[in-house]
Amino acid sequence: TAVTFAGLSAVALITRKDFSFLSNFIIAGAIVLILAMVVAMI
């Protein structure tokens, strides 16, 4: 977890790339993952 967070933060800070295009993926991913999690639990 620590290595992943540090690596991803470094990518965003060093490249200064705009990752705002991920917003739609995050919204859709949250919905799909929550539904899948509920199904897996039930």
Full PDB file with SEQRES, HELIX, SHEET, SSBOND, CRYST1, ORIGX, SCALE, CONECT and MASTER records, all heavy atoms in Angstrom:
SEQRES   1 A   42  THR ALA VAL THR PHE ALA GLY LEU SER ALA VAL ALA LEU          
SEQRES   2 A   42  ILE THR ARG LYS ASP PHE SER PHE LEU SER ASN PHE ILE          
SEQRES   3 A   42  ILE ALA GLY ALA ILE VAL LEU ILE LEU ALA MET VAL VAL          
SEQRES   4 A   42  ALA MET ILE                                                  
HELIX    1 AA1 ALA A    2  THR A   15  1                                  14    
HELIX    2 AA2 SER A   20  LEU A   22  5                                   3    
HELIX    3 AA3 SER A   23  MET A   41  1                                  19    
CRYST1    1.000    1.000    1.000  90.00  90.00  90.00 P 1           1          
ORIGX1      1.000000  0.000000  0.000000        0.00000                         
ORIGX2      0.000000  1.000000  0.000000        0.00000                         
ORIGX3      0.000000  0.000000  1.000000        0.00000                         
SCALE1      1.000000  0.000000  0.000000        0.00000                         
SCALE2      0.000000  1.000000  0.000000        0.00000                         
SCALE3      0.000000  0.000000  1.000000        0.00000                         
ATOM      1  N   THR A   1       0.835  -1.209   0.000  1.00  0.00           N  
ATOM      2  CA  THR A   1       0.000   0.000   0.000  1.00  0.00           C  
ATOM      3  C   THR A   1       0.866   1.253   0.000  1.00  0.00           C  
ATOM      4  O   THR A   1       0.613   2.195  -0.766  1.00  0.00           O  
ATOM      5  CB  THR A   1      -0.923   0.018   1.228  1.00  0.00           C  
ATOM      6  OG1 THR A   1      -1.761  -1.142   1.214  1.00  0.00           O  
ATOM      7  CG2 THR A   1      -1.796   1.265   1.243  1.00  0.00           C  
ATOM      8  N   ALA A   2       1.891   1.273   0.851  1.00  0.00           N  
ATOM      9  CA  ALA A   2       2.774   2.438   0.942  1.00  0.00           C  
ATOM     10  C   ALA A   2       3.515   2.677  -0.371  1.00  0.00           C  
ATOM     11  O   ALA A   2       3.609   3.810  -0.854  1.00  0.00           O  
ATOM     12  CB  ALA A   2       3.770   2.242   2.080  1.00  0.00           C  
ATOM     13  N   VAL A   3       4.032   1.596  -0.958  1.00  0.00           N  
ATOM     14  CA  VAL A   3       4.780   1.725  -2.214  1.00  0.00           C  
ATOM     15  C   VAL A   3       3.864   2.187  -3.343  1.00  0.00           C  
ATOM     16  O   VAL A   3       4.229   3.054  -4.153  1.00  0.00           O  
ATOM     17  CB  VAL A   3       5.459   0.382  -2.584  1.00  0.00           C  
ATOM     18  CG1 VAL A   3       6.035   0.432  -3.990  1.00  0.00           C  
ATOM     19  CG2 VAL A   3       6.555   0.059  -1.585  1.00  0.00           C  
ATOM     20  N   THR A   4       2.652   1.619  -3.397  1.00  0.00           N  
ATOM     21  CA  THR A   4       1.701   2.001  -4.441  1.00  0.00           C  
ATOM     22  C   THR A   4       1.302   3.462  -4.322  1.00  0.00           C  
ATOM     23  O   THR A   4       1.285   4.198  -5.316  1.00  0.00           O  
ATOM     24  CB  THR A   4       0.436   1.123  -4.374  1.00  0.00           C  
ATOM     25  OG1 THR A   4       0.807  -0.256  -4.523  1.00  0.00           O  
ATOM     26  CG2 THR A   4      -0.550   1.497  -5.474  1.00  0.00           C  
ATOM     27  N   PHE A   5       0.991   3.903  -3.100  1.00  0.00           N  
ATOM     28  CA  PHE A   5       0.601   5.297  -2.898  1.00  0.00           C  
ATOM     29  C   PHE A   5       1.746   6.243  -3.256  1.00  0.00           C  
ATOM     30  O   PHE A   5       1.540   7.251  -3.947  1.00  0.00           O  
ATOM     31  CB  PHE A   5       0.175   5.526  -1.452  1.00  0.00           C  
ATOM     32  CG  PHE A   5      -0.129   6.959  -1.132  1.00  0.00           C  
ATOM     33  CD1 PHE A   5      -1.293   7.556  -1.592  1.00  0.00           C  
ATOM     34  CD2 PHE A   5       0.760   7.732  -0.390  1.00  0.00           C  
ATOM     35  CE1 PHE A   5      -1.580   8.887  -1.317  1.00  0.00           C  
ATOM     36  CE2 PHE A   5       0.490   9.065  -0.110  1.00  0.00           C  
ATOM     37  CZ  PHE A   5      -0.677   9.642  -0.574  1.00  0.00           C  
ATOM     38  N   ALA A   6       2.951   5.914  -2.802  1.00  0.00           N  
ATOM     39  CA  ALA A   6       4.106   6.766  -3.089  1.00  0.00           C  
ATOM     40  C   ALA A   6       4.385   6.814  -4.592  1.00  0.00           C  
ATOM     41  O   ALA A   6       4.666   7.883  -5.146  1.00  0.00           O  
ATOM     42  CB  ALA A   6       5.340   6.246  -2.346  1.00  0.00           C  
ATOM     43  N   GLY A   7       4.293   5.670  -5.256  1.00  0.00           N  
ATOM     44  CA  GLY A   7       4.556   5.615  -6.688  1.00  0.00           C  
ATOM     45  C   GLY A   7       3.546   6.403  -7.500  1.00  0.00           C  
ATOM     46  O   GLY A   7       3.915   7.181  -8.387  1.00  0.00           O  
ATOM     47  N   LEU A   8       2.255   6.227  -7.192  1.00  0.00           N  
ATOM     48  CA  LEU A   8       1.211   6.932  -7.927  1.00  0.00           C  
ATOM     49  C   LEU A   8       1.267   8.436  -7.660  1.00  0.00           C  
ATOM     50  O   LEU A   8       1.062   9.246  -8.574  1.00  0.00           O  
ATOM     51  CB  LEU A   8      -0.160   6.380  -7.546  1.00  0.00           C  
ATOM     52  CG  LEU A   8      -0.443   4.942  -7.983  1.00  0.00           C  
ATOM     53  CD1 LEU A   8      -1.755   4.450  -7.373  1.00  0.00           C  
ATOM     54  CD2 LEU A   8      -0.510   4.846  -9.505  1.00  0.00           C  
ATOM     55  N   SER A   9       1.539   8.810  -6.421  1.00  0.00           N  
ATOM     56  CA  SER A   9       1.663  10.231  -6.092  1.00  0.00           C  
ATOM     57  C   SER A   9       2.832  10.850  -6.840  1.00  0.00           C  
ATOM     58  O   SER A   9       2.736  11.980  -7.340  1.00  0.00           O  
ATOM     59  CB  SER A   9       1.851  10.417  -4.582  1.00  0.00           C  
ATOM     60  OG  SER A   9       0.732   9.929  -3.865  1.00  0.00           O  
ATOM     61  N   ALA A  10       3.935  10.100  -6.925  1.00  0.00           N  
ATOM     62  CA  ALA A  10       5.117  10.593  -7.639  1.00  0.00           C  
ATOM     63  C   ALA A  10       4.808  10.796  -9.119  1.00  0.00           C  
ATOM     64  O   ALA A  10       5.243  11.777  -9.728  1.00  0.00           O  
ATOM     65  CB  ALA A  10       6.280   9.622  -7.467  1.00  0.00           C  
ATOM     66  N   VAL A  11       4.051   9.862  -9.701  1.00  0.00           N  
ATOM     67  CA  VAL A  11       3.676   9.994 -11.115  1.00  0.00           C  
ATOM     68  C   VAL A  11       2.889  11.283 -11.346  1.00  0.00           C  
ATOM     69  O   VAL A  11       3.159  12.047 -12.283  1.00  0.00           O  
ATOM     70  CB  VAL A  11       2.845   8.778 -11.577  1.00  0.00           C  
ATOM     71  CG1 VAL A  11       2.213   9.043 -12.944  1.00  0.00           C  
ATOM     72  CG2 VAL A  11       3.712   7.532 -11.638  1.00  0.00           C  
ATOM     73  N   ALA A  12       1.910  11.534 -10.471  1.00  0.00           N  
ATOM     74  CA  ALA A  12       1.083  12.735 -10.624  1.00  0.00           C  
ATOM     75  C   ALA A  12       1.886  14.014 -10.376  1.00  0.00           C  
ATOM     76  O   ALA A  12       1.711  15.012 -11.075  1.00  0.00           O  
ATOM     77  CB  ALA A  12      -0.106  12.674  -9.664  1.00  0.00           C  
ATOM     78  N   LEU A  13       2.786  13.969  -9.380  1.00  0.00           N  
ATOM     79  CA  LEU A  13       3.550  15.165  -9.026  1.00  0.00           C  
ATOM     80  C   LEU A  13       4.652  15.480 -10.034  1.00  0.00           C  
ATOM     81  O   LEU A  13       4.889  16.641 -10.366  1.00  0.00           O  
ATOM     82  CB  LEU A  13       4.167  14.989  -7.636  1.00  0.00           C  
ATOM     83  CG  LEU A  13       3.187  14.984  -6.458  1.00  0.00           C  
ATOM     84  CD1 LEU A  13       3.883  14.540  -5.184  1.00  0.00           C  
ATOM     85  CD2 LEU A  13       2.573  16.367  -6.270  1.00  0.00           C  
ATOM     86  N   ILE A  14       5.318  14.437 -10.514  1.00  0.00           N  
ATOM     87  CA  ILE A  14       6.455  14.647 -11.424  1.00  0.00           C  
ATOM     88  C   ILE A  14       5.994  14.961 -12.841  1.00  0.00           C  
ATOM     89  O   ILE A  14       6.470  15.899 -13.467  1.00  0.00           O  
ATOM     90  CB  ILE A  14       7.390  13.421 -11.408  1.00  0.00           C  
ATOM     91  CG1 ILE A  14       8.031  13.262 -10.025  1.00  0.00           C  
ATOM     92  CG2 ILE A  14       8.476  13.554 -12.483  1.00  0.00           C  
ATOM     93  CD1 ILE A  14       8.828  11.993  -9.857  1.00  0.00           C  
ATOM     94  N   THR A  15       5.056  14.166 -13.337  1.00  0.00           N  
ATOM     95  CA  THR A  15       4.594  14.387 -14.713  1.00  0.00           C  
ATOM     96  C   THR A  15       3.652  15.576 -14.818  1.00  0.00           C  
ATOM     97  O   THR A  15       3.534  16.182 -15.882  1.00  0.00           O  
ATOM     98  CB  THR A  15       3.870  13.146 -15.247  1.00  0.00           C  
ATOM     99  OG1 THR A  15       2.654  12.921 -14.504  1.00  0.00           O  
ATOM    100  CG2 THR A  15       4.754  11.915 -15.142  1.00  0.00           C  
ATOM    101  N   ARG A  16       2.965  15.887 -13.691  1.00  0.00           N  
ATOM    102  CA  ARG A  16       1.976  16.965 -13.648  1.00  0.00           C  
ATOM    103  C   ARG A  16       0.907  16.792 -14.726  1.00  0.00           C  
ATOM    104  O   ARG A  16       0.331  17.759 -15.230  1.00  0.00           O  
ATOM    105  CB  ARG A  16       2.652  18.337 -13.778  1.00  0.00           C  
ATOM    106  CG  ARG A  16       3.678  18.623 -12.714  1.00  0.00           C  
ATOM    107  CD  ARG A  16       4.138  20.062 -12.738  1.00  0.00           C  
ATOM    108  NE  ARG A  16       3.068  20.955 -12.300  1.00  0.00           N  
ATOM    109  CZ  ARG A  16       2.786  21.210 -11.024  1.00  0.00           C  
ATOM    110  NH1 ARG A  16       3.481  20.633 -10.058  1.00  0.00           N  
ATOM    111  NH2 ARG A  16       1.817  22.044 -10.709  1.00  0.00           N  
ATOM    112  N   LYS A  17       0.649  15.540 -15.059  1.00  0.00           N  
ATOM    113  CA  LYS A  17      -0.384  15.227 -16.039  1.00  0.00           C  
ATOM    114  C   LYS A  17      -1.758  15.414 -15.412  1.00  0.00           C  
ATOM    115  O   LYS A  17      -1.953  15.148 -14.227  1.00  0.00           O  
ATOM    116  CB  LYS A  17      -0.216  13.792 -16.531  1.00  0.00           C  
ATOM    117  CG  LYS A  17      -1.220  13.365 -17.600  1.00  0.00           C  
ATOM    118  CD  LYS A  17      -0.948  11.955 -18.082  1.00  0.00           C  
ATOM    119  CE  LYS A  17      -1.957  11.543 -19.142  1.00  0.00           C  
ATOM    120  NZ  LYS A  17      -1.723  10.153 -19.632  1.00  0.00           N  
ATOM    121  N   ASP A  18      -2.699  15.862 -16.203  1.00  0.00           N  
ATOM    122  CA  ASP A  18      -4.067  16.058 -15.733  1.00  0.00           C  
ATOM    123  C   ASP A  18      -4.830  14.738 -15.846  1.00  0.00           C  
ATOM    124  O   ASP A  18      -5.087  14.254 -16.942  1.00  0.00           O  
ATOM    125  CB  ASP A  18      -4.747  17.138 -16.571  1.00  0.00           C  
ATOM    126  CG  ASP A  18      -6.115  17.516 -16.012  1.00  0.00           C  
ATOM    127  OD1 ASP A  18      -6.552  16.902 -15.019  1.00  0.00           O  
ATOM    128  OD2 ASP A  18      -6.750  18.428 -16.578  1.00  0.00           O  
ATOM    129  N   PHE A  19      -5.150  14.161 -14.696  1.00  0.00           N  
ATOM    130  CA  PHE A  19      -5.862  12.887 -14.667  1.00  0.00           C  
ATOM    131  C   PHE A  19      -7.362  13.067 -14.453  1.00  0.00           C  
ATOM    132  O   PHE A  19      -8.040  12.144 -13.983  1.00  0.00           O  
ATOM    133  CB  PHE A  19      -5.292  11.978 -13.576  1.00  0.00           C  
ATOM    134  CG  PHE A  19      -3.928  11.419 -13.893  1.00  0.00           C  
ATOM    135  CD1 PHE A  19      -2.781  12.042 -13.411  1.00  0.00           C  
ATOM    136  CD2 PHE A  19      -3.806  10.286 -14.673  1.00  0.00           C  
ATOM    137  CE1 PHE A  19      -1.529  11.526 -13.711  1.00  0.00           C  
ATOM    138  CE2 PHE A  19      -2.555   9.757 -14.974  1.00  0.00           C  
ATOM    139  CZ  PHE A  19      -1.411  10.388 -14.499  1.00  0.00           C  
ATOM    140  N   SER A  20      -7.882  14.237 -14.781  1.00  0.00           N  
ATOM    141  CA  SER A  20      -9.316  14.485 -14.592  1.00  0.00           C  
ATOM    142  C   SER A  20     -10.179  13.572 -15.456  1.00  0.00           C  
ATOM    143  O   SER A  20     -11.360  13.369 -15.162  1.00  0.00           O  
ATOM    144  CB  SER A  20      -9.648  15.951 -14.894  1.00  0.00           C  
ATOM    145  OG  SER A  20      -9.293  16.286 -16.227  1.00  0.00           O  
ATOM    146  N   PHE A  21      -9.591  13.006 -16.514  1.00  0.00           N  
ATOM    147  CA  PHE A  21     -10.350  12.103 -17.386  1.00  0.00           C  
ATOM    148  C   PHE A  21     -10.764  10.823 -16.661  1.00  0.00           C  
ATOM    149  O   PHE A  21     -11.599  10.063 -17.147  1.00  0.00           O  
ATOM    150  CB  PHE A  21      -9.519  11.743 -18.630  1.00  0.00           C  
ATOM    151  CG  PHE A  21      -8.263  10.965 -18.345  1.00  0.00           C  
ATOM    152  CD1 PHE A  21      -8.289   9.583 -18.300  1.00  0.00           C  
ATOM    153  CD2 PHE A  21      -7.061  11.623 -18.129  1.00  0.00           C  
ATOM    154  CE1 PHE A  21      -7.134   8.855 -18.035  1.00  0.00           C  
ATOM    155  CE2 PHE A  21      -5.900  10.902 -17.868  1.00  0.00           C  
ATOM    156  CZ  PHE A  21      -5.938   9.519 -17.818  1.00  0.00           C  
ATOM    157  N   LEU A  22     -10.177  10.580 -15.492  1.00  0.00           N  
ATOM    158  CA  LEU A  22     -10.512   9.374 -14.724  1.00  0.00           C  
ATOM    159  C   LEU A  22     -11.827   9.518 -13.955  1.00  0.00           C  
ATOM    160  O   LEU A  22     -12.292   8.539 -13.357  1.00  0.00           O  
ATOM    161  CB  LEU A  22      -9.385   9.051 -13.740  1.00  0.00           C  
ATOM    162  CG  LEU A  22      -8.056   8.569 -14.333  1.00  0.00           C  
ATOM    163  CD1 LEU A  22      -7.008   8.453 -13.238  1.00  0.00           C  
ATOM    164  CD2 LEU A  22      -8.250   7.218 -15.025  1.00  0.00           C  
ATOM    165  N   SER A  23     -12.414  10.698 -13.947  1.00  0.00           N  
ATOM    166  CA  SER A  23     -13.612  10.932 -13.128  1.00  0.00           C  
ATOM    167  C   SER A  23     -14.765  10.006 -13.510  1.00  0.00           C  
ATOM    168  O   SER A  23     -15.436   9.441 -12.636  1.00  0.00           O  
ATOM    169  CB  SER A  23     -14.051  12.392 -13.242  1.00  0.00           C  
ATOM    170  OG  SER A  23     -14.352  12.716 -14.594  1.00  0.00           O  
ATOM    171  N   ASN A  24     -15.002   9.840 -14.804  1.00  0.00           N  
ATOM    172  CA  ASN A  24     -16.090   8.957 -15.243  1.00  0.00           C  
ATOM    173  C   ASN A  24     -15.814   7.503 -14.876  1.00  0.00           C  
ATOM    174  O   ASN A  24     -16.723   6.771 -14.482  1.00  0.00           O  
ATOM    175  CB  ASN A  24     -16.299   9.086 -16.757  1.00  0.00           C  
ATOM    176  CG  ASN A  24     -16.865  10.432 -17.155  1.00  0.00           C  
ATOM    177  OD1 ASN A  24     -17.563  11.072 -16.375  1.00  0.00           O  
ATOM    178  ND2 ASN A  24     -16.559  10.884 -18.352  1.00  0.00           N  
ATOM    179  N   PHE A  25     -14.553   7.101 -15.012  1.00  0.00           N  
ATOM    180  CA  PHE A  25     -14.170   5.736 -14.636  1.00  0.00           C  
ATOM    181  C   PHE A  25     -14.394   5.504 -13.146  1.00  0.00           C  
ATOM    182  O   PHE A  25     -14.871   4.438 -12.735  1.00  0.00           O  
ATOM    183  CB  PHE A  25     -12.702   5.495 -14.985  1.00  0.00           C  
ATOM    184  CG  PHE A  25     -12.129   4.238 -14.383  1.00  0.00           C  
ATOM    185  CD1 PHE A  25     -12.367   2.998 -14.962  1.00  0.00           C  
ATOM    186  CD2 PHE A  25     -11.357   4.300 -13.228  1.00  0.00           C  
ATOM    187  CE1 PHE A  25     -11.845   1.834 -14.407  1.00  0.00           C  
ATOM    188  CE2 PHE A  25     -10.828   3.137 -12.661  1.00  0.00           C  
ATOM    189  CZ  PHE A  25     -11.080   1.902 -13.255  1.00  0.00           C  
ATOM    190  N   ILE A  26     -14.076   6.495 -12.341  1.00  0.00           N  
ATOM    191  CA  ILE A  26     -14.227   6.367 -10.885  1.00  0.00           C  
ATOM    192  C   ILE A  26     -15.698   6.241 -10.498  1.00  0.00           C  
ATOM    193  O   ILE A  26     -16.068   5.402  -9.658  1.00  0.00           O  
ATOM    194  CB  ILE A  26     -13.581   7.576 -10.184  1.00  0.00           C  
ATOM    195  CG1 ILE A  26     -12.052   7.498 -10.335  1.00  0.00           C  
ATOM    196  CG2 ILE A  26     -13.971   7.623  -8.708  1.00  0.00           C  
ATOM    197  CD1 ILE A  26     -11.330   8.733  -9.831  1.00  0.00           C  
ATOM    198  N   ILE A  27     -16.548   7.049 -11.115  1.00  0.00           N  
ATOM    199  CA  ILE A  27     -17.981   6.992 -10.813  1.00  0.00           C  
ATOM    200  C   ILE A  27     -18.564   5.639 -11.226  1.00  0.00           C  
ATOM    201  O   ILE A  27     -19.259   4.978 -10.440  1.00  0.00           O  
ATOM    202  CB  ILE A  27     -18.727   8.121 -11.539  1.00  0.00           C  
ATOM    203  CG1 ILE A  27     -18.287   9.477 -10.985  1.00  0.00           C  
ATOM    204  CG2 ILE A  27     -20.243   7.955 -11.386  1.00  0.00           C  
ATOM    205  CD1 ILE A  27     -18.845  10.661 -11.756  1.00  0.00           C  
ATOM    206  N   ALA A  28     -18.278   5.225 -12.457  1.00  0.00           N  
ATOM    207  CA  ALA A  28     -18.786   3.939 -12.941  1.00  0.00           C  
ATOM    208  C   ALA A  28     -18.203   2.784 -12.133  1.00  0.00           C  
ATOM    209  O   ALA A  28     -18.910   1.833 -11.780  1.00  0.00           O  
ATOM    210  CB  ALA A  28     -18.451   3.772 -14.424  1.00  0.00           C  
ATOM    211  N   GLY A  29     -16.916   2.869 -11.826  1.00  0.00           N  
ATOM    212  CA  GLY A  29     -16.263   1.813 -11.057  1.00  0.00           C  
ATOM    213  C   GLY A  29     -16.843   1.655  -9.670  1.00  0.00           C  
ATOM    214  O   GLY A  29     -17.013   0.541  -9.175  1.00  0.00           O  
ATOM    215  N   ALA A  30     -17.172   2.788  -9.031  1.00  0.00           N  
ATOM    216  CA  ALA A  30     -17.753   2.739  -7.683  1.00  0.00           C  
ATOM    217  C   ALA A  30     -19.092   2.016  -7.700  1.00  0.00           C  
ATOM    218  O   ALA A  30     -19.367   1.171  -6.827  1.00  0.00           O  
ATOM    219  CB  ALA A  30     -17.916   4.154  -7.139  1.00  0.00           C  
ATOM    220  N   ILE A  31     -19.921   2.327  -8.685  1.00  0.00           N  
ATOM    221  CA  ILE A  31     -21.243   1.688  -8.779  1.00  0.00           C  
ATOM    222  C   ILE A  31     -21.103   0.184  -9.011  1.00  0.00           C  
ATOM    223  O   ILE A  31     -21.737  -0.634  -8.333  1.00  0.00           O  
ATOM    224  CB  ILE A  31     -22.059   2.327  -9.920  1.00  0.00           C  
ATOM    225  CG1 ILE A  31     -22.341   3.801  -9.599  1.00  0.00           C  
ATOM    226  CG2 ILE A  31     -23.369   1.568 -10.131  1.00  0.00           C  
ATOM    227  CD1 ILE A  31     -22.988   4.557 -10.731  1.00  0.00           C  
ATOM    228  N   VAL A  32     -20.254  -0.192  -9.960  1.00  0.00           N  
ATOM    229  CA  VAL A  32     -20.074  -1.611 -10.293  1.00  0.00           C  
ATOM    230  C   VAL A  32     -19.491  -2.383  -9.116  1.00  0.00           C  
ATOM    231  O   VAL A  32     -19.958  -3.484  -8.780  1.00  0.00           O  
ATOM    232  CB  VAL A  32     -19.153  -1.755 -11.528  1.00  0.00           C  
ATOM    233  CG1 VAL A  32     -18.789  -3.219 -11.753  1.00  0.00           C  
ATOM    234  CG2 VAL A  32     -19.832  -1.193 -12.763  1.00  0.00           C  
ATOM    235  N   LEU A  33     -18.504  -1.813  -8.457  1.00  0.00           N  
ATOM    236  CA  LEU A  33     -17.849  -2.516  -7.352  1.00  0.00           C  
ATOM    237  C   LEU A  33     -18.776  -2.687  -6.149  1.00  0.00           C  
ATOM    238  O   LEU A  33     -18.762  -3.737  -5.495  1.00  0.00           O  
ATOM    239  CB  LEU A  33     -16.587  -1.761  -6.937  1.00  0.00           C  
ATOM    240  CG  LEU A  33     -15.401  -1.872  -7.905  1.00  0.00           C  
ATOM    241  CD1 LEU A  33     -14.286  -0.920  -7.484  1.00  0.00           C  
ATOM    242  CD2 LEU A  33     -14.885  -3.302  -7.957  1.00  0.00           C  
ATOM    243  N   ILE A  34     -19.580  -1.671  -5.862  1.00  0.00           N  
ATOM    244  CA  ILE A  34     -20.518  -1.784  -4.733  1.00  0.00           C  
ATOM    245  C   ILE A  34     -21.554  -2.870  -5.008  1.00  0.00           C  
ATOM    246  O   ILE A  34     -21.851  -3.697  -4.134  1.00  0.00           O  
ATOM    247  CB  ILE A  34     -21.199  -0.425  -4.469  1.00  0.00           C  
ATOM    248  CG1 ILE A  34     -20.192   0.566  -3.893  1.00  0.00           C  
ATOM    249  CG2 ILE A  34     -22.369  -0.604  -3.503  1.00  0.00           C  
ATOM    250  CD1 ILE A  34     -20.734   1.968  -3.726  1.00  0.00           C  
ATOM    251  N   LEU A  35     -22.078  -2.899  -6.229  1.00  0.00           N  
ATOM    252  CA  LEU A  35     -23.059  -3.929  -6.586  1.00  0.00           C  
ATOM    253  C   LEU A  35     -22.426  -5.314  -6.531  1.00  0.00           C  
ATOM    254  O   LEU A  35     -23.022  -6.270  -6.007  1.00  0.00           O  
ATOM    255  CB  LEU A  35     -23.617  -3.656  -7.989  1.00  0.00           C  
ATOM    256  CG  LEU A  35     -24.516  -2.426  -8.141  1.00  0.00           C  
ATOM    257  CD1 LEU A  35     -24.903  -2.226  -9.590  1.00  0.00           C  
ATOM    258  CD2 LEU A  35     -25.760  -2.564  -7.270  1.00  0.00           C  
ATOM    259  N   ALA A  36     -21.216  -5.447  -7.068  1.00  0.00           N  
ATOM    260  CA  ALA A  36     -20.522  -6.740  -7.052  1.00  0.00           C  
ATOM    261  C   ALA A  36     -20.205  -7.176  -5.622  1.00  0.00           C  
ATOM    262  O   ALA A  36     -20.304  -8.363  -5.293  1.00  0.00           O  
ATOM    263  CB  ALA A  36     -19.236  -6.644  -7.875  1.00  0.00           C  
ATOM    264  N   MET A  37     -19.856  -6.216  -4.774  1.00  0.00           N  
ATOM    265  CA  MET A  37     -19.554  -6.536  -3.385  1.00  0.00           C  
ATOM    266  C   MET A  37     -20.792  -7.062  -2.667  1.00  0.00           C  
ATOM    267  O   MET A  37     -20.721  -8.035  -1.905  1.00  0.00           O  
ATOM    268  CB  MET A  37     -19.020  -5.293  -2.671  1.00  0.00           C  
ATOM    269  CG  MET A  37     -18.606  -5.513  -1.226  1.00  0.00           C  
ATOM    270  SD  MET A  37     -17.836  -4.044  -0.506  1.00  0.00           S  
ATOM    271  CE  MET A  37     -19.195  -2.861  -0.617  1.00  0.00           C  
ATOM    272  N   VAL A  38     -21.937  -6.433  -2.909  1.00  0.00           N  
ATOM    273  CA  VAL A  38     -23.188  -6.878  -2.286  1.00  0.00           C  
ATOM    274  C   VAL A  38     -23.541  -8.286  -2.749  1.00  0.00           C  
ATOM    275  O   VAL A  38     -23.921  -9.150  -1.944  1.00  0.00           O  
ATOM    276  CB  VAL A  38     -24.329  -5.897  -2.621  1.00  0.00           C  
ATOM    277  CG1 VAL A  38     -25.671  -6.462  -2.163  1.00  0.00           C  
ATOM    278  CG2 VAL A  38     -24.075  -4.543  -1.972  1.00  0.00           C  
ATOM    279  N   VAL A  39     -23.405  -8.552  -4.046  1.00  0.00           N  
ATOM    280  CA  VAL A  39     -23.700  -9.883  -4.589  1.00  0.00           C  
ATOM    281  C   VAL A  39     -22.759 -10.927  -3.990  1.00  0.00           C  
ATOM    282  O   VAL A  39     -23.191 -12.029  -3.613  1.00  0.00           O  
ATOM    283  CB  VAL A  39     -23.571  -9.875  -6.132  1.00  0.00           C  
ATOM    284  CG1 VAL A  39     -23.685 -11.290  -6.682  1.00  0.00           C  
ATOM    285  CG2 VAL A  39     -24.644  -8.993  -6.743  1.00  0.00           C  
ATOM    286  N   ALA A  40     -21.474 -10.583  -3.893  1.00  0.00           N  
ATOM    287  CA  ALA A  40     -20.496 -11.517  -3.337  1.00  0.00           C  
ATOM    288  C   ALA A  40     -20.799 -11.832  -1.879  1.00  0.00           C  
ATOM    289  O   ALA A  40     -20.625 -12.974  -1.420  1.00  0.00           O  
ATOM    290  CB  ALA A  40     -19.090 -10.934  -3.474  1.00  0.00           C  
ATOM    291  N   MET A  41     -21.285 -10.828  -1.129  1.00  0.00           N  
ATOM    292  CA  MET A  41     -21.612 -11.042   0.285  1.00  0.00           C  
ATOM    293  C   MET A  41     -22.870 -11.893   0.436  1.00  0.00           C  
ATOM    294  O   MET A  41     -22.928 -12.789   1.289  1.00  0.00           O  
ATOM    295  CB  MET A  41     -21.803  -9.693   0.980  1.00  0.00           C  
ATOM    296  CG  MET A  41     -20.527  -8.897   1.182  1.00  0.00           C  
ATOM    297  SD  MET A  41     -20.857  -7.232   1.790  1.00  0.00           S  
ATOM    298  CE  MET A  41     -21.860  -7.581   3.216  1.00  0.00           C  
ATOM    299  N   ILE A  42     -23.883 -11.619  -0.376  1.00  0.00           N  
ATOM    300  CA  ILE A  42     -25.151 -12.335  -0.255  1.00  0.00           C  
ATOM    301  C   ILE A  42     -25.011 -13.797  -0.649  1.00  0.00           C  
ATOM    302  O   ILE A  42     -25.496 -14.706   0.046  1.00  0.00           O  
ATOM    303  CB  ILE A  42     -26.240 -11.649  -1.116  1.00  0.00           C  
ATOM    304  CG1 ILE A  42     -26.551 -10.260  -0.552  1.00  0.00           C  
ATOM    305  CG2 ILE A  42     -27.505 -12.505  -1.154  1.00  0.00           C  
ATOM    306  CD1 ILE A  42     -27.537  -9.476  -1.393  1.00  0.00           C  
TER     307      ILE A  42                                                      
MASTER        0    0    0    3    0    0    0    6  306    1    0    4          
END                                                                             
